[in-house]
């Protein structure tokens, strides 16, 4: 029987006291490639910034005859693996007073964990694997790959992502499931990321679990998705007999908004709790109470700000944002400008800087309040 418990730190500050370890799952480093397609959706309702986006799109159309394609532009999160690891570890140790285990899972890339194991041997090698399925796709968190097998496994997973094949998917999931220390999580299962429609996506998610649920060990309650969506994940987990697990999905400087609490001493022991016992205790951190769009604006600012203390090749935001051309060539935005950004970009950054201000935060909360977002 699956036994999942939810805790809210702002309601019960003593919740972590019964546990010795906090586990941070699903966060990203500079090894992830992130589409900018979400920009118009999340910033479209932000005062000042939304006007700049519309101006840029209309101006781009005048010059090129095409609408500005944000999906051709991608960014890499600002933090390197060691920095991301330290951020997550610090939240657990300093705010909760318990020891930390951190699993970084970049999109289709295992470099973060693989490199970190040299200096942090307890760090698992993990990945967020992209799987095409019908008219949409899903992301699986594959945590704790054996070091000697990880490169060849990643090669197999990448080959499937490039050329999906249904029989091959079952083979791969079955092989992963056979490795007892590996944890397989269906990340944000109710997020209609491909925008096929909420009902259609929910049906597709259930169909995926009907076919492959025997290889899935837990469903993720995502720290960057609204509570109304996570409630549907709870319902789905109950229907299919799965545990639920945390997954902060951090991309910027805000530490994961939820973690798992456990008395396991190692990540492999934690995996056994989920896989064998179906036991999972999820703790939501105070930042989860904040309006989602406000948090997304802050993440966007983390993406486009400069970091003077970083290595020179990633200090400027324009060195961490890239454009992919028709011929497949990828270039950083900084290579187009040879110095200062065009004035609309500077105006855009000024607008983001303004809405990030603590003085404007109450007004921003009011402006971006989502009446459809159920609050905890």
Protein backbone atom coordinates (compact mmCIF):
# COMPACT_ATOMS: atom_id res chain seq x y z
CA UNK A 1 0.00 0.00 0.00
CA UNK A 2 1.36 3.42 -0.97
CA UNK A 3 1.66 5.83 1.96
CA UNK A 4 2.30 9.40 0.85
CA UNK A 5 2.18 12.24 3.36
CA UNK A 6 2.12 15.96 2.60
CA UNK A 7 3.51 18.62 4.94
CA UNK A 8 3.41 22.43 4.69
CA UNK A 9 6.29 24.14 6.48
CA UNK A 10 4.31 27.35 7.02
CA UNK A 11 1.61 25.36 8.83
CA UNK A 12 3.90 23.03 10.77
CA UNK A 13 7.47 24.19 11.29
CA UNK A 14 8.21 21.06 13.31
CA UNK A 15 7.42 18.72 10.40
CA UNK A 16 11.12 18.05 9.56
CA UNK A 17 12.01 17.19 13.16
CA UNK A 18 11.07 13.51 12.82
CA UNK A 19 13.41 13.06 9.86
CA UNK A 20 17.17 13.01 9.48
CA UNK A 21 17.42 13.78 5.71
CA UNK A 22 15.91 16.11 3.14
CA UNK A 23 16.01 15.09 -0.52
CA UNK A 24 16.00 17.70 -3.27
CA UNK A 25 14.77 16.20 -6.55
CA UNK A 26 14.50 17.61 -10.06
CA UNK A 27 16.44 20.82 -10.53
CA UNK A 28 18.44 22.16 -13.44
CA UNK A 29 21.91 23.48 -14.21
CA UNK A 30 23.59 25.14 -17.18
CA UNK A 31 23.59 21.74 -18.89
CA UNK A 32 19.85 22.04 -19.58
CA UNK A 33 18.58 23.57 -22.81
CA UNK A 34 15.39 25.53 -22.08
CA UNK A 35 13.04 26.94 -24.70
CA UNK A 36 11.95 30.57 -24.48
CA UNK A 37 8.52 29.63 -25.83
CA UNK A 38 7.05 30.20 -22.38
CA UNK A 39 7.94 33.92 -22.38
CA UNK A 40 4.79 35.26 -24.09
CA UNK A 41 2.58 33.01 -21.92
CA UNK A 42 4.02 33.88 -18.53
CA UNK A 43 5.02 37.49 -19.10
CA UNK A 44 2.08 38.43 -21.31
CA UNK A 45 0.13 39.74 -18.32
CA UNK A 46 2.98 41.63 -16.69
CA UNK A 47 2.61 45.41 -16.85
CA UNK A 48 5.26 47.16 -19.01
CA UNK A 49 6.91 43.89 -19.99
CA UNK A 50 3.89 42.65 -21.97
CA UNK A 51 3.83 45.87 -24.00
CA UNK A 52 7.49 45.41 -24.89
CA UNK A 53 6.90 41.82 -26.02
CA UNK A 54 4.04 42.92 -28.29
CA UNK A 55 6.14 45.77 -29.68
CA UNK A 56 9.04 43.42 -30.39
CA UNK A 57 6.79 40.90 -32.13
CA UNK A 58 5.15 43.53 -34.35
CA UNK A 59 8.50 45.15 -35.13
CA UNK A 60 10.01 41.77 -36.01
CA UNK A 61 7.08 41.06 -38.33
CA UNK A 62 7.58 44.40 -40.12
CA UNK A 63 11.24 43.61 -40.73
CA UNK A 64 11.02 39.92 -41.59
CA UNK A 65 7.43 39.18 -42.52
CA UNK A 66 7.35 36.53 -39.77
CA UNK A 67 6.15 36.53 -36.17
CA UNK A 68 8.99 36.45 -33.64
CA UNK A 69 9.58 32.75 -32.92
CA UNK A 70 10.53 32.34 -29.27
CA UNK A 71 10.75 28.56 -29.78
CA UNK A 72 13.91 29.09 -31.88
CA UNK A 73 15.59 30.79 -28.96
CA UNK A 74 16.73 28.89 -25.88
CA UNK A 75 18.56 29.64 -22.68
CA UNK A 76 20.65 27.76 -20.21
CA UNK A 77 20.07 28.15 -16.45
CA UNK A 78 22.68 30.33 -14.79
CA UNK A 79 24.02 27.91 -12.17
CA UNK A 80 26.80 25.40 -12.73
CA UNK A 81 26.35 21.96 -11.10
CA UNK A 82 28.39 22.77 -7.97
CA UNK A 83 26.49 26.05 -7.50
CA UNK A 84 23.10 24.37 -7.97
CA UNK A 85 24.09 21.58 -5.58
CA UNK A 86 25.18 24.11 -2.93
CA UNK A 87 21.95 26.12 -3.27
CA UNK A 88 19.75 23.07 -2.71
CA UNK A 89 21.93 21.66 0.06
CA UNK A 90 22.00 25.00 1.86
CA UNK A 91 18.20 25.29 1.96
CA UNK A 92 17.83 21.86 3.54
CA UNK A 93 20.69 22.15 6.03
CA UNK A 94 20.27 25.79 7.04
CA UNK A 95 16.48 26.17 6.98
CA UNK A 96 15.47 22.69 8.13
CA UNK A 97 18.50 21.62 10.15
CA UNK A 98 18.78 18.17 8.57
CA UNK A 99 21.31 16.59 6.21
CA UNK A 100 20.80 16.91 2.48
CA UNK A 101 20.76 14.66 -0.57
CA UNK A 102 20.54 16.47 -3.92
CA UNK A 103 19.62 14.95 -7.29
CA UNK A 104 20.16 17.33 -10.22
CA UNK A 105 18.31 16.23 -13.36
CA UNK A 106 19.02 18.22 -16.49
CA UNK A 107 17.11 17.75 -19.72
CA UNK A 108 18.52 14.71 -21.53
CA UNK A 109 21.96 15.24 -20.00
CA UNK A 110 23.80 13.50 -17.13
CA UNK A 111 26.90 15.69 -16.91
CA UNK A 112 25.90 17.49 -13.70
CA UNK A 113 25.73 14.42 -11.48
CA UNK A 114 28.52 12.63 -13.30
CA UNK A 115 30.96 15.49 -12.70
CA UNK A 116 29.77 16.23 -9.16
CA UNK A 117 30.46 12.69 -7.99
CA UNK A 118 34.17 13.46 -8.15
CA UNK A 119 33.83 15.93 -5.24
CA UNK A 120 30.44 14.88 -3.81
CA UNK A 121 30.40 11.06 -3.97
CA UNK A 122 26.85 10.81 -2.58
CA UNK A 123 25.42 12.80 -5.49
CA UNK A 124 23.28 10.60 -7.75
CA UNK A 125 23.63 10.66 -11.54
CA UNK A 126 20.21 11.65 -12.81
CA UNK A 127 18.46 12.98 -15.91
CA UNK A 128 15.08 14.35 -17.01
CA UNK A 129 14.37 12.19 -20.04
CA UNK A 130 12.09 13.48 -22.84
CA UNK A 131 9.64 10.94 -24.28
CA UNK A 132 7.36 11.62 -27.26
CA UNK A 133 3.96 10.01 -26.76
CA UNK A 134 1.08 10.50 -29.16
CA UNK A 135 0.50 14.20 -29.91
CA UNK A 136 2.47 15.29 -26.83
CA UNK A 137 5.43 14.25 -24.70
CA UNK A 138 6.33 13.41 -21.12
CA UNK A 139 9.37 13.89 -18.93
CA UNK A 140 10.67 11.09 -16.76
CA UNK A 141 13.01 11.74 -13.87
CA UNK A 142 15.57 8.91 -13.97
CA UNK A 143 17.51 9.13 -10.71
CA UNK A 144 20.60 7.35 -9.40
CA UNK A 145 22.06 5.70 -12.50
CA UNK A 146 25.09 3.48 -11.80
CA UNK A 147 28.22 5.40 -12.72
CA UNK A 148 29.74 2.65 -14.87
CA UNK A 149 26.51 2.22 -16.87
CA UNK A 150 25.33 5.84 -17.00
CA UNK A 151 27.02 6.93 -20.28
CA UNK A 152 25.74 3.94 -22.27
CA UNK A 153 22.26 4.24 -20.73
CA UNK A 154 22.14 7.92 -21.61
CA UNK A 155 23.14 7.12 -25.16
CA UNK A 156 20.22 4.67 -25.41
CA UNK A 157 17.77 7.18 -23.92
CA UNK A 158 18.95 9.93 -26.28
CA UNK A 159 18.58 7.60 -29.26
CA UNK A 160 14.96 6.95 -28.33
CA UNK A 161 14.24 10.67 -27.89
CA UNK A 162 15.64 11.32 -31.37
CA UNK A 163 13.71 8.43 -32.97
CA UNK A 164 10.78 7.25 -30.78
CA UNK A 165 9.74 3.61 -31.03
CA UNK A 166 6.99 2.11 -28.85
CA UNK A 167 8.48 -1.39 -28.40
CA UNK A 168 11.85 0.16 -27.65
CA UNK A 169 10.32 2.37 -24.93
CA UNK A 170 9.07 -0.67 -23.04
CA UNK A 171 12.47 -2.32 -23.38
CA UNK A 172 14.26 0.73 -22.01
CA UNK A 173 11.86 1.22 -19.09
CA UNK A 174 12.01 -2.46 -18.22
CA UNK A 175 15.82 -2.40 -18.24
CA UNK A 176 15.90 0.70 -16.03
CA UNK A 177 13.40 -0.87 -13.64
CA UNK A 178 15.64 -3.92 -13.31
CA UNK A 179 18.36 -1.74 -11.75
CA UNK A 180 17.17 -1.75 -8.15
CA UNK A 181 18.85 1.50 -7.09
CA UNK A 182 17.27 3.50 -9.94
CA UNK A 183 14.18 5.62 -9.26
CA UNK A 184 11.79 6.41 -12.15
CA UNK A 185 9.43 9.36 -11.65
CA UNK A 186 6.78 10.72 -14.02
CA UNK A 187 7.47 14.44 -13.76
CA UNK A 188 4.58 16.97 -13.75
CA UNK A 189 2.23 14.38 -15.29
CA UNK A 190 -0.74 16.75 -15.60
CA UNK A 191 1.14 19.66 -17.20
CA UNK A 192 -0.15 20.20 -20.73
CA UNK A 193 3.24 21.46 -21.89
CA UNK A 194 2.50 20.74 -25.57
CA UNK A 195 -0.82 22.68 -25.26
CA UNK A 196 -3.01 19.98 -26.76
CA UNK A 197 -5.77 20.75 -24.22
CA UNK A 198 -6.00 19.94 -20.51
CA UNK A 199 -8.58 17.17 -20.93
CA UNK A 200 -6.73 15.61 -23.86
CA UNK A 201 -3.43 15.71 -21.98
CA UNK A 202 -4.97 14.18 -18.83
CA UNK A 203 -6.35 11.33 -20.94
CA UNK A 204 -2.96 10.87 -22.59
CA UNK A 205 -1.24 10.81 -19.19
CA UNK A 206 -3.59 8.09 -17.98
CA UNK A 207 -3.03 6.13 -21.17
CA UNK A 208 0.74 6.36 -20.62
CA UNK A 209 0.35 4.99 -17.09
CA UNK A 210 -1.94 2.20 -18.28
CA UNK A 211 0.77 1.05 -20.68
CA UNK A 212 3.92 1.74 -18.69
CA UNK A 213 2.81 2.35 -15.10
CA UNK A 214 4.43 -0.88 -13.90
CA UNK A 215 7.83 0.73 -14.51
CA UNK A 216 6.98 4.08 -12.87
CA UNK A 217 7.78 4.30 -9.16
CA UNK A 218 6.16 7.65 -8.30
CA UNK A 219 4.28 10.64 -9.71
CA UNK A 220 5.70 14.10 -9.12
CA UNK A 221 4.07 16.94 -7.24
CA UNK A 222 5.85 19.78 -9.01
CA UNK A 223 7.03 22.86 -7.15
CA UNK A 224 6.56 25.09 -10.19
CA UNK A 225 3.03 23.98 -11.07
CA UNK A 226 -0.18 25.34 -9.49
CA UNK A 227 -1.83 23.48 -6.65
CA UNK A 228 -4.99 22.78 -8.67
CA UNK A 229 -2.81 20.78 -11.08
CA UNK A 230 -0.96 18.98 -8.30
CA UNK A 231 -4.32 18.00 -6.79
CA UNK A 232 -5.14 16.22 -10.04
CA UNK A 233 -1.79 14.42 -9.76
CA UNK A 234 -2.80 13.24 -6.27
CA UNK A 235 -6.03 11.88 -7.71
CA UNK A 236 -4.18 10.18 -10.56
CA UNK A 237 -1.66 8.62 -8.18
CA UNK A 238 -4.49 7.19 -6.08
CA UNK A 239 -6.24 5.81 -9.16
CA UNK A 240 -3.12 4.04 -10.44
CA UNK A 241 -1.70 3.03 -7.07
CA UNK A 242 1.47 5.16 -7.16
CA UNK A 243 3.25 7.13 -4.48
CA UNK A 244 3.70 10.86 -4.98
CA UNK A 245 7.10 12.49 -4.68
CA UNK A 246 8.54 16.00 -4.65
CA UNK A 247 10.14 17.73 -7.61
CA UNK A 248 11.02 21.40 -7.37
CA UNK A 249 11.95 21.92 -11.03
CA UNK A 250 14.25 24.81 -10.09
CA UNK A 251 15.81 26.72 -13.00
CA UNK A 252 16.94 29.99 -11.41
CA UNK A 253 18.10 31.05 -7.94
CA UNK A 254 14.97 30.10 -6.00
CA UNK A 255 15.67 26.80 -4.25
CA UNK A 256 13.22 23.95 -4.84
CA UNK A 257 9.75 24.74 -3.49
CA UNK A 258 9.28 21.19 -2.20
CA UNK A 259 11.51 18.36 -1.02
CA UNK A 260 11.15 14.85 0.37
CA UNK A 261 11.70 14.05 4.03
CA UNK A 262 13.19 10.69 4.95
CA UNK A 263 15.25 8.83 7.52
CA UNK A 264 17.30 7.19 4.77
CA UNK A 265 21.04 7.76 5.04
CA UNK A 266 21.83 7.29 1.34
CA UNK A 267 20.03 7.99 -1.91
CA UNK A 268 19.79 4.25 -2.61
CA UNK A 269 18.06 3.74 0.75
CA UNK A 270 15.64 6.54 -0.19
CA UNK A 271 14.94 4.83 -3.52
CA UNK A 272 14.13 1.61 -1.67
CA UNK A 273 11.62 3.45 0.53
CA UNK A 274 9.78 4.67 -2.55
CA UNK A 275 10.07 1.52 -4.68
CA UNK A 276 9.69 -1.23 -2.09
CA UNK A 277 7.67 0.37 0.71
CA UNK A 278 5.73 3.03 -1.19
CA UNK A 279 6.56 5.52 1.58
CA UNK A 280 6.98 9.19 0.66
CA UNK A 281 6.81 12.35 2.79
CA UNK A 282 6.67 15.57 0.76
CA UNK A 283 7.37 18.94 2.39
CA UNK A 284 6.26 22.15 0.65
CA UNK A 285 8.48 25.15 1.39
CA UNK A 286 7.14 28.69 1.99
CA UNK A 287 8.00 29.88 -1.54
CA UNK A 288 5.30 27.58 -2.91
CA UNK A 289 2.66 29.90 -1.39
CA UNK A 290 3.77 32.76 -3.66
CA UNK A 291 1.75 33.48 -6.80
CA UNK A 292 3.16 31.31 -9.58
CA UNK A 293 3.45 34.13 -12.12
CA UNK A 294 5.39 36.24 -9.63
CA UNK A 295 7.79 33.34 -9.16
CA UNK A 296 8.11 32.93 -12.92
CA UNK A 297 8.93 36.63 -13.33
CA UNK A 298 11.66 36.22 -10.72
CA UNK A 299 13.01 33.15 -12.51
CA UNK A 300 13.03 35.12 -15.76
CA UNK A 301 15.04 37.82 -14.05
CA UNK A 302 17.49 35.17 -12.81
CA UNK A 303 17.86 34.12 -16.45
CA UNK A 304 18.49 37.55 -17.96
CA UNK A 305 20.53 39.27 -15.25
CA UNK A 306 24.32 39.48 -15.28
CA UNK A 307 26.51 37.73 -12.71
CA UNK A 308 29.79 39.67 -12.25
CA UNK A 309 31.32 36.91 -10.08
CA UNK A 310 30.74 34.12 -12.61
CA UNK A 311 33.39 32.91 -15.07
CA UNK A 312 33.70 35.38 -17.93
CA UNK A 313 32.05 33.10 -20.51
CA UNK A 314 28.73 33.16 -18.63
CA UNK A 315 28.66 36.46 -16.78
CA UNK A 316 26.37 38.19 -19.28
CA UNK A 317 22.87 36.89 -19.83
CA UNK A 318 23.33 37.28 -23.60
CA UNK A 319 26.09 34.63 -23.44
CA UNK A 320 23.60 32.19 -21.90
CA UNK A 321 20.77 32.75 -24.40
CA UNK A 322 21.06 31.22 -27.88
CA UNK A 323 19.29 31.33 -31.24
CA UNK A 324 19.00 28.33 -33.56
CA UNK A 325 18.99 29.11 -37.30
CA UNK A 326 17.30 27.19 -40.12
CA UNK A 327 20.58 25.43 -40.91
CA UNK A 328 20.91 24.23 -37.30
CA UNK A 329 23.67 26.68 -36.38
CA UNK A 330 23.46 27.93 -32.81
CA UNK A 331 24.89 31.28 -31.73
CA UNK A 332 24.69 33.23 -28.45
CA UNK A 333 22.79 36.50 -28.64
CA UNK A 334 25.94 38.37 -27.63
CA UNK A 335 27.51 37.47 -31.00
CA UNK A 336 24.85 39.51 -32.80
CA UNK A 337 25.26 42.72 -30.84
CA UNK A 338 29.03 43.07 -30.36
CA UNK A 339 28.56 45.20 -27.28
CA UNK A 340 25.42 46.82 -25.91
CA UNK A 341 22.00 45.28 -26.45
CA UNK A 342 19.50 47.07 -28.74
CA UNK A 343 17.38 49.64 -26.89
CA UNK A 344 14.18 47.51 -26.88
CA UNK A 345 16.11 44.76 -25.09
CA UNK A 346 17.48 47.24 -22.57
CA UNK A 347 13.95 48.54 -22.05
CA UNK A 348 12.71 44.99 -21.56
CA UNK A 349 15.39 44.34 -18.92
CA UNK A 350 14.55 47.60 -17.18
CA UNK A 351 10.92 46.52 -17.03
CA UNK A 352 11.86 43.18 -15.50
CA UNK A 353 14.15 44.90 -13.02
CA UNK A 354 11.31 47.21 -12.02
CA UNK A 355 8.77 44.46 -11.40
CA UNK A 356 11.41 42.51 -9.46
CA UNK A 357 11.67 45.39 -6.99
CA UNK A 358 10.47 44.59 -3.46
CA UNK A 359 8.61 47.92 -3.44
CA UNK A 360 6.45 46.81 -6.36
CA UNK A 361 5.97 43.25 -5.16
CA UNK A 362 2.52 43.77 -3.52
CA UNK A 363 1.23 45.49 -6.67
CA UNK A 364 2.71 42.74 -8.82
CA UNK A 365 0.98 40.06 -6.75
CA UNK A 366 -2.33 41.83 -7.26
CA UNK A 367 -1.77 42.35 -11.00
CA UNK A 368 -0.76 38.74 -11.60
CA UNK A 369 -3.25 37.05 -9.29
CA UNK A 370 -4.80 34.10 -11.09
CA UNK A 371 -8.42 33.62 -10.11
CA UNK A 372 -8.24 30.08 -11.51
CA UNK A 373 -5.29 29.08 -9.32
CA UNK A 374 -6.54 27.24 -6.27
CA UNK A 375 -4.63 28.22 -3.15
CA UNK A 376 -3.54 25.87 -0.42
